[in-house]
N, C-alpha and C. Protein backbone atom coordinates (compact mmCIF):
# COMPACT_ATOMS: atom_id res chain seq x y z
N MET A 1 -6.99 17.86 11.35
CA MET A 1 -5.78 17.18 11.79
C MET A 1 -6.02 15.68 11.95
N LYS A 2 -7.19 15.31 12.42
CA LYS A 2 -7.48 13.90 12.61
C LYS A 2 -7.56 13.17 11.28
N GLU A 3 -7.95 13.90 10.21
CA GLU A 3 -8.00 13.28 8.90
C GLU A 3 -6.61 12.88 8.43
N HIS A 4 -5.61 13.69 8.75
CA HIS A 4 -4.24 13.37 8.38
C HIS A 4 -3.77 12.12 9.13
N GLU A 5 -4.13 12.02 10.39
CA GLU A 5 -3.76 10.85 11.19
C GLU A 5 -4.41 9.60 10.61
N PHE A 6 -5.64 9.73 10.18
CA PHE A 6 -6.34 8.60 9.57
C PHE A 6 -5.63 8.15 8.30
N ALA A 7 -5.25 9.10 7.46
CA ALA A 7 -4.57 8.76 6.21
C ALA A 7 -3.22 8.11 6.49
N LYS A 8 -2.50 8.62 7.48
CA LYS A 8 -1.23 8.01 7.84
C LYS A 8 -1.43 6.59 8.34
N GLY A 9 -2.42 6.39 9.17
CA GLY A 9 -2.72 5.06 9.69
C GLY A 9 -3.13 4.10 8.60
N MET A 10 -3.94 4.57 7.68
CA MET A 10 -4.35 3.73 6.55
C MET A 10 -3.14 3.36 5.70
N GLY A 11 -2.30 4.30 5.43
CA GLY A 11 -1.11 4.04 4.62
C GLY A 11 -0.19 3.02 5.28
N LEU A 12 0.04 3.20 6.57
CA LEU A 12 0.90 2.26 7.29
C LEU A 12 0.26 0.87 7.35
N GLY A 13 -1.04 0.83 7.52
CA GLY A 13 -1.74 -0.46 7.55
C GLY A 13 -1.66 -1.19 6.22
N VAL A 14 -1.82 -0.44 5.14
CA VAL A 14 -1.73 -1.04 3.81
C VAL A 14 -0.32 -1.55 3.55
N LEU A 15 0.67 -0.76 3.91
CA LEU A 15 2.06 -1.18 3.71
C LEU A 15 2.40 -2.41 4.57
N ALA A 16 1.93 -2.41 5.81
CA ALA A 16 2.19 -3.55 6.68
C ALA A 16 1.51 -4.81 6.14
N GLY A 17 0.28 -4.66 5.66
CA GLY A 17 -0.43 -5.79 5.08
C GLY A 17 0.25 -6.32 3.83
N ALA A 18 0.72 -5.42 3.00
CA ALA A 18 1.43 -5.84 1.78
C ALA A 18 2.73 -6.56 2.12
N ALA A 19 3.45 -6.04 3.10
CA ALA A 19 4.70 -6.68 3.51
C ALA A 19 4.44 -8.06 4.10
N LEU A 20 3.42 -8.17 4.93
CA LEU A 20 3.09 -9.46 5.53
C LEU A 20 2.63 -10.44 4.46
N GLY A 21 1.81 -9.96 3.54
CA GLY A 21 1.35 -10.82 2.45
C GLY A 21 2.49 -11.30 1.58
N ALA A 22 3.45 -10.43 1.31
CA ALA A 22 4.60 -10.82 0.51
C ALA A 22 5.48 -11.83 1.25
N ALA A 23 5.53 -11.69 2.56
CA ALA A 23 6.38 -12.58 3.36
C ALA A 23 5.81 -14.00 3.44
N ILE A 24 4.50 -14.12 3.50
CA ILE A 24 3.90 -15.45 3.68
C ILE A 24 3.36 -16.05 2.39
N ALA A 25 3.36 -15.29 1.32
CA ALA A 25 2.84 -15.78 0.04
C ALA A 25 3.76 -16.87 -0.52
N PRO A 26 3.18 -17.85 -1.18
CA PRO A 26 4.02 -18.87 -1.82
C PRO A 26 4.85 -18.24 -2.94
N ARG A 27 6.00 -18.78 -3.16
CA ARG A 27 6.89 -18.27 -4.20
C ARG A 27 6.32 -18.57 -5.57
N LYS A 28 6.35 -17.56 -6.41
CA LYS A 28 5.85 -17.71 -7.77
C LYS A 28 6.98 -17.47 -8.74
N LYS A 29 6.71 -17.64 -10.01
CA LYS A 29 7.72 -17.40 -11.04
C LYS A 29 7.97 -15.92 -11.26
N THR A 30 7.05 -15.07 -10.81
CA THR A 30 7.20 -13.62 -10.97
C THR A 30 8.34 -13.13 -10.08
N PRO A 31 9.28 -12.40 -10.65
CA PRO A 31 10.38 -11.87 -9.83
C PRO A 31 9.86 -10.96 -8.72
N MET A 32 10.50 -11.04 -7.58
CA MET A 32 10.07 -10.27 -6.42
C MET A 32 10.12 -8.77 -6.68
N ARG A 33 11.14 -8.32 -7.39
CA ARG A 33 11.27 -6.90 -7.65
C ARG A 33 10.08 -6.37 -8.45
N LYS A 34 9.64 -7.14 -9.45
CA LYS A 34 8.50 -6.73 -10.27
C LYS A 34 7.22 -6.71 -9.44
N ALA A 35 7.04 -7.73 -8.61
CA ALA A 35 5.85 -7.79 -7.76
C ALA A 35 5.84 -6.64 -6.76
N ALA A 36 6.99 -6.34 -6.18
CA ALA A 36 7.08 -5.24 -5.21
C ALA A 36 6.80 -3.91 -5.90
N GLY A 37 7.28 -3.74 -7.10
CA GLY A 37 7.02 -2.51 -7.85
C GLY A 37 5.54 -2.32 -8.12
N LYS A 38 4.88 -3.41 -8.51
CA LYS A 38 3.43 -3.34 -8.75
C LYS A 38 2.68 -3.01 -7.46
N ALA A 39 3.10 -3.64 -6.37
CA ALA A 39 2.44 -3.38 -5.08
C ALA A 39 2.61 -1.92 -4.66
N MET A 40 3.79 -1.37 -4.81
CA MET A 40 4.03 0.01 -4.42
C MET A 40 3.25 0.97 -5.32
N LYS A 41 3.13 0.64 -6.61
CA LYS A 41 2.36 1.47 -7.52
C LYS A 41 0.89 1.48 -7.10
N THR A 42 0.38 0.31 -6.74
CA THR A 42 -1.01 0.19 -6.31
C THR A 42 -1.24 0.95 -5.01
N VAL A 43 -0.33 0.84 -4.06
CA VAL A 43 -0.45 1.55 -2.79
C VAL A 43 -0.44 3.06 -3.05
N GLY A 44 0.41 3.51 -3.94
CA GLY A 44 0.45 4.93 -4.27
C GLY A 44 -0.85 5.43 -4.86
N GLN A 45 -1.44 4.62 -5.72
CA GLN A 45 -2.71 5.00 -6.33
C GLN A 45 -3.82 5.04 -5.29
N VAL A 46 -3.82 4.06 -4.39
CA VAL A 46 -4.84 4.03 -3.34
C VAL A 46 -4.72 5.24 -2.44
N MET A 47 -3.50 5.58 -2.04
CA MET A 47 -3.30 6.74 -1.18
C MET A 47 -3.68 8.03 -1.90
N GLU A 48 -3.38 8.13 -3.19
CA GLU A 48 -3.74 9.32 -3.95
C GLU A 48 -5.26 9.45 -4.03
N ASN A 49 -5.94 8.35 -4.31
CA ASN A 49 -7.40 8.37 -4.37
C ASN A 49 -8.00 8.73 -3.01
N LEU A 50 -7.45 8.17 -1.95
CA LEU A 50 -7.93 8.47 -0.61
C LEU A 50 -7.73 9.94 -0.28
N SER A 51 -6.57 10.46 -0.63
CA SER A 51 -6.29 11.88 -0.37
C SER A 51 -7.26 12.78 -1.15
N ASP A 52 -7.51 12.43 -2.40
CA ASP A 52 -8.43 13.22 -3.22
C ASP A 52 -9.84 13.17 -2.63
N ASP A 53 -10.27 12.01 -2.19
CA ASP A 53 -11.61 11.87 -1.62
C ASP A 53 -11.76 12.63 -0.32
N MET A 54 -10.67 12.72 0.44
CA MET A 54 -10.72 13.42 1.71
C MET A 54 -10.48 14.92 1.55
N GLY A 55 -10.07 15.36 0.38
CA GLY A 55 -9.91 16.78 0.11
C GLY A 55 -8.56 17.35 0.50
N PHE A 56 -7.51 16.58 0.43
CA PHE A 56 -6.18 17.10 0.78
C PHE A 56 -5.52 17.70 -0.41
């Protein structure tokens, strides 16, 4: 059960960090929607890898 709490905490931390980074990052020519899509894809891959490593 504690492993699930760890994964939830890691996921929330990654999402919060990505949101904070997007909020304070300088504006670039890359559209925000495209950047957000890439970030969410990366977060999904990280969570999937973490889940696989932890045996869920």
